[in-house]
Amino acid sequence: MKQNITAMQTLTIRDLRYDFGKVEAWLADGEEIEITKHGKPIARLSPPRSEVVPKFDAEAHRRWMKETWGGRVFTADEVKEMREAELGDRS
């Protein structure tokens, strides 16, 4: 198993206060930064996660529904029965 071991950037409170440009550059490069005070870690800064949310393809969903169910429209009772069968007894 391959491990990726990287050294985390470390700054003091003073560095954070007086050299924020360096902090900003590290964050822009994706670095995680440990903040220390009197030699002890007190916080970590990390860049925001780039969460890519997939776009919902409504047309593809409609095609799938038509392929799966055709033009069938279920009654409320049928939906309730399917839901109970799917989830089982939860009491």
Foldseek 3Di string as FASTA:
>chain_A
DDDDDDDAAEEEPVCCVPPVVVVVVCQVVQGKYFYDYPRHTDDIDTHDDDDDDDDDDVVVVVVVCCVVPNPDDDDPVVVVVVVCVVVPDPD
